[in-house]
Amino acid sequence: MIPDETPRDDARSAIAGRPRSGGTNGRVEAPESDPGWVIETTFSPFHCLYQDALAFHTQSRLARSDADASRLARASLLLYISAAESLVHQAAAELGRQELRGLIADPSRPLPTAEAWRLLPAIAAEPGTPTLAFDPETPPWPQFTELLMLRTSWAYPGPPESRRAYYRSSRKDGDYEPMQLHQVPPTLRRAAAPDRLAFPRTGLPRDPYALRPRHLDAARGILDAAIEALDRRMGGVLTRGQRHRREPVRVVHPPGESPSG
């Protein structure tokens, strides 16, 4: 698992020794003609989106109702997948060979995300350098493919018959919950077949309203495992020194000032 990291929003304040918020702290503000201290940072969209996904993930566990938990879980899932897309495009731009990086990093010719993840090691490697073989049937790749397919199924929902979902309750006027695979009665086994309710390898529900925090635990685990597997295929260069998360900060004004002031 990739370790949790707190967002680096406070780096801009820490480098200049200033409070994050809350007024002037007794000091006189610089005139508008003088920008005061200016810092430059290179942001990592992957890190930002992953941390946002993790925040919604945590909030979904603390939600007061299943409806709120599901809503937060959907937001988190989409951000985890957006982080996966950002990671591969970011890595292609930074690590890919100049003549090949456009195959993945060119937004005018987007590749499917799963294909971009498959190709990245070959695009980043020096000519003649072998990369670890890619077996689409070896975990975590089948699970990662299903994770991406879930978001695709929401964006391309298909006809109504492919979007039927089933809920159950112990009473007709009771609270209804998404039906689990083991709860399907014999009379509904054809209509509510397992592959209609959930993806077979991950158990992620096809019905977006059925998404719960436990599914996010699985989704995050799949993404982390995929990042680790991709890193192995690339000889460790993908995450070396937290390269994919690093957001360096430096003082650019006043000229000649050091980060410590």
C-alpha atoms as a PDB file:
ATOM      1  CA  MET A   1       0.000   0.000   0.000  1.00  0.00           C
ATOM      2  CA  ILE A   2       1.186   3.524  -0.740  1.00  0.00           C
ATOM      3  CA  PRO A   3       1.460   5.359   2.594  1.00  0.00           C
ATOM      4  CA  ASP A   4      -0.983   8.097   3.418  1.00  0.00           C
ATOM      5  CA  GLU A   5       0.432  11.563   3.027  1.00  0.00           C
ATOM      6  CA  THR A   6      -1.124  14.787   4.157  1.00  0.00           C
ATOM      7  CA  PRO A   7      -1.738  17.401   1.459  1.00  0.00           C
ATOM      8  CA  ARG A   8       1.084  19.856   1.045  1.00  0.00           C
ATOM      9  CA  ASP A   9      -1.058  22.984   1.185  1.00  0.00           C
ATOM     10  CA  ASP A  10       1.020  24.331   4.068  1.00  0.00           C
ATOM     11  CA  ALA A  11       4.327  24.190   2.175  1.00  0.00           C
ATOM     12  CA  ARG A  12       3.815  27.647   0.720  1.00  0.00           C
ATOM     13  CA  SER A  13       3.388  29.129   4.197  1.00  0.00           C
ATOM     14  CA  ALA A  14       6.135  27.092   5.838  1.00  0.00           C
ATOM     15  CA  ILE A  15       8.841  28.038   3.347  1.00  0.00           C
ATOM     16  CA  ALA A  16       8.352  31.741   3.990  1.00  0.00           C
ATOM     17  CA  GLY A  17       7.720  31.346   7.715  1.00  0.00           C
ATOM     18  CA  ARG A  18       4.246  32.862   7.536  1.00  0.00           C
ATOM     19  CA  PRO A  19       0.958  31.719   9.052  1.00  0.00           C
ATOM     20  CA  ARG A  20      -1.383  29.861   6.705  1.00  0.00           C
ATOM     21  CA  SER A  21      -4.304  32.161   7.436  1.00  0.00           C
ATOM     22  CA  GLY A  22      -5.754  34.538   9.975  1.00  0.00           C
ATOM     23  CA  GLY A  23      -4.667  38.083   9.199  1.00  0.00           C
ATOM     24  CA  THR A  24      -1.321  39.820   9.525  1.00  0.00           C
ATOM     25  CA  ASN A  25      -0.234  38.395  12.890  1.00  0.00           C
ATOM     26  CA  GLY A  26       0.587  41.926  14.085  1.00  0.00           C
ATOM     27  CA  ARG A  27       2.676  42.858  11.073  1.00  0.00           C
ATOM     28  CA  VAL A  28       2.059  45.587   8.523  1.00  0.00           C
ATOM     29  CA  GLU A  29       1.061  44.267   5.117  1.00  0.00           C
ATOM     30  CA  ALA A  30       3.375  45.041   2.202  1.00  0.00           C
ATOM     31  CA  PRO A  31       2.163  47.744  -0.205  1.00  0.00           C
ATOM     32  CA  GLU A  32       0.252  46.495  -3.205  1.00  0.00           C
ATOM     33  CA  SER A  33       3.104  47.565  -5.490  1.00  0.00           C
ATOM     34  CA  ASP A  34       5.404  45.159  -3.642  1.00  0.00           C
ATOM     35  CA  PRO A  35       4.267  41.528  -3.908  1.00  0.00           C
ATOM     36  CA  GLY A  36       6.274  40.668  -0.808  1.00  0.00           C
ATOM     37  CA  TRP A  37       7.398  37.060  -0.753  1.00  0.00           C
ATOM     38  CA  VAL A  38       6.586  35.001  -3.850  1.00  0.00           C
ATOM     39  CA  ILE A  39       7.129  31.275  -4.053  1.00  0.00           C
ATOM     40  CA  GLU A  40       6.995  28.954  -7.018  1.00  0.00           C
ATOM     41  CA  THR A  41       5.773  25.384  -6.807  1.00  0.00           C
ATOM     42  CA  THR A  42       5.417  22.570  -9.306  1.00  0.00           C
ATOM     43  CA  PHE A  43       2.188  20.794  -8.479  1.00  0.00           C
ATOM     44  CA  SER A  44       1.498  17.105  -8.972  1.00  0.00           C
ATOM     45  CA  PRO A  45      -2.074  16.512 -10.181  1.00  0.00           C
ATOM     46  CA  PHE A  46      -1.721  12.850  -9.199  1.00  0.00           C
ATOM     47  CA  HIS A  47      -0.867  13.745  -5.617  1.00  0.00           C
ATOM     48  CA  CYS A  48      -3.661  16.337  -5.420  1.00  0.00           C
ATOM     49  CA  LEU A  49      -6.356  14.040  -6.828  1.00  0.00           C
ATOM     50  CA  TYR A  50      -5.231  11.032  -4.796  1.00  0.00           C
ATOM     51  CA  GLN A  51      -5.313  13.058  -1.576  1.00  0.00           C
ATOM     52  CA  ASP A  52      -8.765  14.421  -2.435  1.00  0.00           C
ATOM     53  CA  ALA A  53      -9.965  10.875  -3.091  1.00  0.00           C
ATOM     54  CA  LEU A  54      -8.543   9.781   0.250  1.00  0.00           C
ATOM     55  CA  ALA A  55     -10.305  12.660   2.031  1.00  0.00           C
ATOM     56  CA  PHE A  56     -13.694  11.733   0.541  1.00  0.00           C
ATOM     57  CA  HIS A  57     -12.904   8.084   1.309  1.00  0.00           C
ATOM     58  CA  THR A  58     -12.452   8.957   4.980  1.00  0.00           C
ATOM     59  CA  GLN A  59     -15.579  11.102   5.042  1.00  0.00           C
ATOM     60  CA  SER A  60     -17.627   8.287   3.530  1.00  0.00           C
ATOM     61  CA  ARG A  61     -16.805   6.098   6.529  1.00  0.00           C
ATOM     62  CA  LEU A  62     -18.056   8.830   8.874  1.00  0.00           C
ATOM     63  CA  ALA A  63     -21.275   9.592   6.992  1.00  0.00           C
ATOM     64  CA  ARG A  64     -24.514   9.540   8.975  1.00  0.00           C
ATOM     65  CA  SER A  65     -26.535   7.695   6.349  1.00  0.00           C
ATOM     66  CA  ASP A  66     -25.991   5.148   3.606  1.00  0.00           C
ATOM     67  CA  ALA A  67     -27.104   7.723   1.046  1.00  0.00           C
ATOM     68  CA  ASP A  68     -24.432  10.190   2.178  1.00  0.00           C
ATOM     69  CA  ALA A  69     -21.826   7.424   2.393  1.00  0.00           C
ATOM     70  CA  SER A  70     -22.622   6.321  -1.148  1.00  0.00           C
ATOM     71  CA  ARG A  71     -22.488   9.884  -2.480  1.00  0.00           C
ATOM     72  CA  LEU A  72     -19.069  10.459  -0.935  1.00  0.00           C
ATOM     73  CA  ALA A  73     -17.900   7.046  -2.108  1.00  0.00           C
ATOM     74  CA  ARG A  74     -18.793   7.871  -5.710  1.00  0.00           C
ATOM     75  CA  ALA A  75     -16.856  11.135  -5.518  1.00  0.00           C
ATOM     76  CA  SER A  76     -13.873   9.316  -4.050  1.00  0.00           C
ATOM     77  CA  LEU A  77     -13.929   6.553  -6.652  1.00  0.00           C
ATOM     78  CA  LEU A  78     -13.977   9.013  -9.544  1.00  0.00           C
ATOM     79  CA  LEU A  79     -11.048  10.890  -8.019  1.00  0.00           C
ATOM     80  CA  TYR A  80      -9.039   7.684  -7.524  1.00  0.00           C
ATOM     81  CA  ILE A  81      -9.532   6.866 -11.199  1.00  0.00           C
ATOM     82  CA  SER A  82      -8.713  10.428 -12.246  1.00  0.00           C
ATOM     83  CA  ALA A  83      -5.513  10.111 -10.207  1.00  0.00           C
ATOM     84  CA  ALA A  84      -4.683   6.919 -12.100  1.00  0.00           C
ATOM     85  CA  GLU A  85      -5.121   8.755 -15.399  1.00  0.00           C
ATOM     86  CA  SER A  86      -3.057  11.704 -14.213  1.00  0.00           C
ATOM     87  CA  LEU A  87      -0.231   9.477 -12.979  1.00  0.00           C
ATOM     88  CA  VAL A  88       0.387   7.767 -16.307  1.00  0.00           C
ATOM     89  CA  HIS A  89       0.153  10.984 -18.335  1.00  0.00           C
ATOM     90  CA  GLN A  90       2.372  12.831 -15.853  1.00  0.00           C
ATOM     91  CA  ALA A  91       4.953  10.027 -15.933  1.00  0.00           C
ATOM     92  CA  ALA A  92       4.922   9.870 -19.734  1.00  0.00           C
ATOM     93  CA  ALA A  93       5.624  13.607 -19.970  1.00  0.00           C
ATOM     94  CA  GLU A  94       8.431  13.445 -17.389  1.00  0.00           C
ATOM     95  CA  LEU A  95      10.012  10.054 -18.103  1.00  0.00           C
ATOM     96  CA  GLY A  96       9.046   9.153 -21.666  1.00  0.00           C
ATOM     97  CA  ARG A  97      11.520   9.367 -24.515  1.00  0.00           C
ATOM     98  CA  GLN A  98      10.939  12.541 -26.470  1.00  0.00           C
ATOM     99  CA  GLU A  99      10.057  10.769 -29.694  1.00  0.00           C
ATOM    100  CA  LEU A 100       7.512   8.494 -27.956  1.00  0.00           C
ATOM    101  CA  ARG A 101       6.007  10.404 -25.034  1.00  0.00           C
ATOM    102  CA  GLY A 102       3.277  11.884 -27.256  1.00  0.00           C
ATOM    103  CA  LEU A 103       1.770   8.420 -27.659  1.00  0.00           C
ATOM    104  CA  ILE A 104       0.532   8.715 -24.090  1.00  0.00           C
ATOM    105  CA  ALA A 105       0.889  12.376 -23.085  1.00  0.00           C
ATOM    106  CA  ASP A 106      -0.851  14.016 -26.065  1.00  0.00           C
ATOM    107  CA  PRO A 107      -4.417  14.967 -24.989  1.00  0.00           C
ATOM    108  CA  SER A 108      -5.482  15.431 -28.618  1.00  0.00           C
ATOM    109  CA  ARG A 109      -4.947  11.692 -29.184  1.00  0.00           C
ATOM    110  CA  PRO A 110      -5.951  10.081 -25.898  1.00  0.00           C
ATOM    111  CA  LEU A 111      -5.301   6.399 -25.343  1.00  0.00           C
ATOM    112  CA  PRO A 112      -7.545   4.259 -23.143  1.00  0.00           C
ATOM    113  CA  THR A 113      -6.137   4.431 -19.633  1.00  0.00           C
ATOM    114  CA  ALA A 114      -5.453   0.697 -19.378  1.00  0.00           C
ATOM    115  CA  GLU A 115      -3.513   0.805 -22.659  1.00  0.00           C
ATOM    116  CA  ALA A 116      -1.484   3.804 -21.484  1.00  0.00           C
ATOM    117  CA  TRP A 117      -0.521   1.937 -18.308  1.00  0.00           C
ATOM    118  CA  ARG A 118       0.542  -1.072 -20.400  1.00  0.00           C
ATOM    119  CA  LEU A 119       2.718   0.988 -22.758  1.00  0.00           C
ATOM    120  CA  LEU A 120       4.366   3.388 -20.312  1.00  0.00           C
ATOM    121  CA  PRO A 121       7.365   1.161 -19.377  1.00  0.00           C
ATOM    122  CA  ALA A 122       8.329   0.710 -23.033  1.00  0.00           C
ATOM    123  CA  ILE A 123       7.985   4.433 -23.745  1.00  0.00           C
ATOM    124  CA  ALA A 124      10.054   5.423 -20.709  1.00  0.00           C
ATOM    125  CA  ALA A 125      12.810   2.817 -21.131  1.00  0.00           C
ATOM    126  CA  GLU A 126      15.993   3.549 -23.043  1.00  0.00           C
ATOM    127  CA  PRO A 127      16.265   1.738 -26.404  1.00  0.00           C
ATOM    128  CA  GLY A 128      17.347  -1.846 -25.886  1.00  0.00           C
ATOM    129  CA  THR A 129      16.525  -1.833 -22.181  1.00  0.00           C
ATOM    130  CA  PRO A 130      14.266  -4.783 -21.318  1.00  0.00           C
ATOM    131  CA  THR A 131      11.142  -4.228 -19.232  1.00  0.00           C
ATOM    132  CA  LEU A 132       9.246  -6.782 -17.180  1.00  0.00           C
ATOM    133  CA  ALA A 133       6.649  -8.667 -19.182  1.00  0.00           C
ATOM    134  CA  PHE A 134       3.047  -7.599 -18.920  1.00  0.00           C
ATOM    135  CA  ASP A 135       0.502 -10.358 -18.262  1.00  0.00           C
ATOM    136  CA  PRO A 136      -3.050  -8.948 -18.357  1.00  0.00           C
ATOM    137  CA  GLU A 137      -4.338 -11.989 -16.458  1.00  0.00           C
ATOM    138  CA  THR A 138      -1.953 -11.627 -13.516  1.00  0.00           C
ATOM    139  CA  PRO A 139      -3.149  -9.554 -10.538  1.00  0.00           C
ATOM    140  CA  PRO A 140      -3.513  -6.647 -10.133  1.00  0.00           C
ATOM    141  CA  TRP A 141      -4.161  -6.011 -13.833  1.00  0.00           C
ATOM    142  CA  PRO A 142      -7.560  -7.762 -14.241  1.00  0.00           C
ATOM    143  CA  GLN A 143      -8.791  -5.990 -11.114  1.00  0.00           C
ATOM    144  CA  PHE A 144      -7.388  -2.653 -12.283  1.00  0.00           C
ATOM    145  CA  THR A 145      -9.131  -3.107 -15.630  1.00  0.00           C
ATOM    146  CA  GLU A 146     -12.449  -3.674 -13.847  1.00  0.00           C
ATOM    147  CA  LEU A 147     -11.884  -0.543 -11.747  1.00  0.00           C
ATOM    148  CA  LEU A 148     -11.502   1.487 -14.930  1.00  0.00           C
ATOM    149  CA  MET A 149     -14.466  -0.286 -16.526  1.00  0.00           C
ATOM    150  CA  LEU A 150     -16.721   0.752 -13.648  1.00  0.00           C
ATOM    151  CA  ARG A 151     -16.191   4.442 -14.363  1.00  0.00           C
ATOM    152  CA  THR A 152     -16.598   3.757 -18.095  1.00  0.00           C
ATOM    153  CA  SER A 153     -19.903   2.006 -17.439  1.00  0.00           C
ATOM    154  CA  TRP A 154     -21.166   5.145 -15.699  1.00  0.00           C
ATOM    155  CA  ALA A 155     -20.021   7.402 -18.538  1.00  0.00           C
ATOM    156  CA  TYR A 156     -21.481   5.057 -21.198  1.00  0.00           C
ATOM    157  CA  PRO A 157     -24.475   3.606 -19.355  1.00  0.00           C
ATOM    158  CA  GLY A 158     -26.078   1.730 -22.227  1.00  0.00           C
ATOM    159  CA  PRO A 159     -29.774   0.818 -22.660  1.00  0.00           C
ATOM    160  CA  PRO A 160     -32.191   0.553 -19.716  1.00  0.00           C
ATOM    161  CA  GLU A 161     -32.071  -3.244 -19.613  1.00  0.00           C
ATOM    162  CA  SER A 162     -28.355  -3.092 -18.830  1.00  0.00           C
ATOM    163  CA  ARG A 163     -28.964  -0.748 -15.884  1.00  0.00           C
ATOM    164  CA  ARG A 164     -31.401  -2.767 -13.794  1.00  0.00           C
ATOM    165  CA  ALA A 165     -30.580  -2.960 -10.095  1.00  0.00           C
ATOM    166  CA  TYR A 166     -32.211  -4.902  -7.260  1.00  0.00           C
ATOM    167  CA  TYR A 167     -32.885  -3.956  -3.644  1.00  0.00           C
ATOM    168  CA  ARG A 168     -34.264  -6.020  -0.793  1.00  0.00           C
ATOM    169  CA  SER A 169     -35.955  -5.514   2.565  1.00  0.00           C
ATOM    170  CA  SER A 170     -37.340  -7.823   5.228  1.00  0.00           C
ATOM    171  CA  ARG A 171     -40.595  -5.832   5.097  1.00  0.00           C
ATOM    172  CA  LYS A 172     -42.526  -4.369   2.196  1.00  0.00           C
ATOM    173  CA  ASP A 173     -42.591  -0.959   3.876  1.00  0.00           C
ATOM    174  CA  GLY A 174     -39.081  -1.262   5.334  1.00  0.00           C
ATOM    175  CA  ASP A 175     -35.752   0.183   4.331  1.00  0.00           C
ATOM    176  CA  TYR A 176     -34.392  -1.328   1.125  1.00  0.00           C
ATOM    177  CA  GLU A 177     -30.721  -2.151   0.661  1.00  0.00           C
ATOM    178  CA  PRO A 178     -28.777  -3.207  -2.448  1.00  0.00           C
ATOM    179  CA  MET A 179     -29.132  -6.935  -2.965  1.00  0.00           C
ATOM    180  CA  GLN A 180     -25.953  -8.934  -2.396  1.00  0.00           C
ATOM    181  CA  LEU A 181     -25.019 -11.823  -4.650  1.00  0.00           C
ATOM    182  CA  HIS A 182     -25.768 -14.454  -2.010  1.00  0.00           C
ATOM    183  CA  GLN A 183     -29.243 -12.944  -1.420  1.00  0.00           C
ATOM    184  CA  VAL A 184     -30.630 -13.420  -4.925  1.00  0.00           C
ATOM    185  CA  PRO A 185     -33.675 -15.774  -4.781  1.00  0.00           C
ATOM    186  CA  PRO A 186     -33.937 -18.604  -7.324  1.00  0.00           C
ATOM    187  CA  THR A 187     -36.745 -16.831  -9.168  1.00  0.00           C
ATOM    188  CA  LEU A 188     -34.447 -13.890  -9.981  1.00  0.00           C
ATOM    189  CA  ARG A 189     -31.200 -15.699 -10.754  1.00  0.00           C
ATOM    190  CA  ARG A 190     -31.517 -15.078 -14.458  1.00  0.00           C
ATOM    191  CA  ALA A 191     -32.528 -11.413 -14.255  1.00  0.00           C
ATOM    192  CA  ALA A 192     -30.182 -10.636 -11.344  1.00  0.00           C
ATOM    193  CA  ALA A 193     -27.251 -12.765 -12.476  1.00  0.00           C
ATOM    194  CA  PRO A 194     -24.005 -12.110 -10.560  1.00  0.00           C
ATOM    195  CA  ASP A 195     -22.306 -10.364 -13.480  1.00  0.00           C
ATOM    196  CA  ARG A 196     -25.282  -8.004 -13.760  1.00  0.00           C
ATOM    197  CA  LEU A 197     -24.943  -6.909 -10.141  1.00  0.00           C
ATOM    198  CA  ALA A 198     -21.174  -6.649  -9.729  1.00  0.00           C
ATOM    199  CA  PHE A 199     -17.881  -7.075 -11.519  1.00  0.00           C
ATOM    200  CA  PRO A 200     -16.684 -10.651 -11.034  1.00  0.00           C
ATOM    201  CA  ARG A 201     -13.049 -10.135  -9.980  1.00  0.00           C
ATOM    202  CA  THR A 202     -13.433  -7.119  -7.685  1.00  0.00           C
ATOM    203  CA  GLY A 203     -17.022  -7.352  -6.455  1.00  0.00           C
ATOM    204  CA  LEU A 204     -17.503  -3.658  -7.251  1.00  0.00           C
ATOM    205  CA  PRO A 205     -21.212  -2.987  -7.799  1.00  0.00           C
ATOM    206  CA  ARG A 206     -22.373  -1.825 -11.205  1.00  0.00           C
ATOM    207  CA  ASP A 207     -25.134   0.244  -9.591  1.00  0.00           C
ATOM    208  CA  PRO A 208     -23.564   3.574  -8.500  1.00  0.00           C
ATOM    209  CA  TYR A 209     -26.098   3.902  -5.667  1.00  0.00           C
ATOM    210  CA  ALA A 210     -24.844   0.612  -4.232  1.00  0.00           C
ATOM    211  CA  LEU A 211     -21.282   1.846  -3.785  1.00  0.00           C
ATOM    212  CA  ARG A 212     -20.196   1.825  -0.137  1.00  0.00           C
ATOM    213  CA  PRO A 213     -17.005   2.664   1.800  1.00  0.00           C
ATOM    214  CA  ARG A 214     -15.945  -1.006   1.806  1.00  0.00           C
ATOM    215  CA  HIS A 215     -15.866  -0.902  -1.989  1.00  0.00           C
ATOM    216  CA  LEU A 216     -13.561   2.106  -1.790  1.00  0.00           C
ATOM    217  CA  ASP A 217     -11.196   0.079   0.389  1.00  0.00           C
ATOM    218  CA  ALA A 218     -10.995  -2.432  -2.445  1.00  0.00           C
ATOM    219  CA  ALA A 219     -10.652   0.264  -5.113  1.00  0.00           C
ATOM    220  CA  ARG A 220      -7.817   2.021  -3.313  1.00  0.00           C
ATOM    221  CA  GLY A 221      -6.049  -1.276  -2.710  1.00  0.00           C
ATOM    222  CA  ILE A 222      -6.304  -2.112  -6.418  1.00  0.00           C
ATOM    223  CA  LEU A 223      -4.917   1.273  -7.458  1.00  0.00           C
ATOM    224  CA  ASP A 224      -2.031   1.071  -4.993  1.00  0.00           C
ATOM    225  CA  ALA A 225      -1.200  -2.463  -6.142  1.00  0.00           C
ATOM    226  CA  ALA A 226      -1.298  -1.342  -9.784  1.00  0.00           C
ATOM    227  CA  ILE A 227       1.082   1.544  -9.049  1.00  0.00           C
ATOM    228  CA  GLU A 228       3.480  -0.816  -7.315  1.00  0.00           C
ATOM    229  CA  ALA A 229       3.283  -3.306 -10.207  1.00  0.00           C
ATOM    230  CA  LEU A 230       3.854  -0.565 -12.783  1.00  0.00           C
ATOM    231  CA  ASP A 231       6.801   0.719 -10.764  1.00  0.00           C
ATOM    232  CA  ARG A 232       8.352  -2.781 -10.784  1.00  0.00           C
ATOM    233  CA  ARG A 233       7.963  -2.939 -14.552  1.00  0.00           C
ATOM    234  CA  MET A 234       9.836   0.378 -14.761  1.00  0.00           C
ATOM    235  CA  GLY A 235      12.667  -0.627 -12.456  1.00  0.00           C
ATOM    236  CA  GLY A 236      11.488   1.637  -9.633  1.00  0.00           C
ATOM    237  CA  VAL A 237      11.849   4.920 -11.526  1.00  0.00           C
ATOM    238  CA  LEU A 238       8.136   5.746 -11.340  1.00  0.00           C
ATOM    239  CA  THR A 239       8.076   6.379  -7.575  1.00  0.00           C
ATOM    240  CA  ARG A 240      11.769   6.795  -6.753  1.00  0.00           C
ATOM    241  CA  GLY A 241      12.164   9.553  -4.190  1.00  0.00           C
ATOM    242  CA  GLN A 242       8.369  10.028  -4.215  1.00  0.00           C
ATOM    243  CA  ARG A 243       8.835  11.571  -7.664  1.00  0.00           C
ATOM    244  CA  HIS A 244       5.158  11.107  -8.558  1.00  0.00           C
ATOM    245  CA  ARG A 245       4.060  13.002  -5.418  1.00  0.00           C
ATOM    246  CA  ARG A 246       6.815  15.567  -5.090  1.00  0.00           C
ATOM    247  CA  GLU A 247       5.764  19.230  -5.194  1.00  0.00           C
ATOM    248  CA  PRO A 248       8.957  21.293  -4.858  1.00  0.00           C
ATOM    249  CA  VAL A 249       8.708  24.871  -3.616  1.00  0.00           C
ATOM    250  CA  ARG A 250      11.240  27.706  -3.978  1.00  0.00           C
ATOM    251  CA  VAL A 251      11.328  31.429  -3.290  1.00  0.00           C
ATOM    252  CA  VAL A 252      11.365  33.487  -6.496  1.00  0.00           C
ATOM    253  CA  HIS A 253      10.883  36.966  -4.983  1.00  0.00           C
ATOM    254  CA  PRO A 254      12.669  38.850  -3.491  1.00  0.00           C
ATOM    255  CA  PRO A 255      15.517  37.766  -5.804  1.00  0.00           C
ATOM    256  CA  GLY A 256      18.418  36.100  -4.101  1.00  0.00           C
ATOM    257  CA  GLU A 257      16.509  35.177  -0.948  1.00  0.00           C
ATOM    258  CA  SER A 258      16.955  31.681   0.433  1.00  0.00           C
ATOM    259  CA  PRO A 259      13.996  29.494   1.489  1.00  0.00           C
ATOM    260  CA  SER A 260      14.815  30.135   5.146  1.00  0.00           C
ATOM    261  CA  GLY A 261      14.638  33.869   4.633  1.00  0.00           C
END
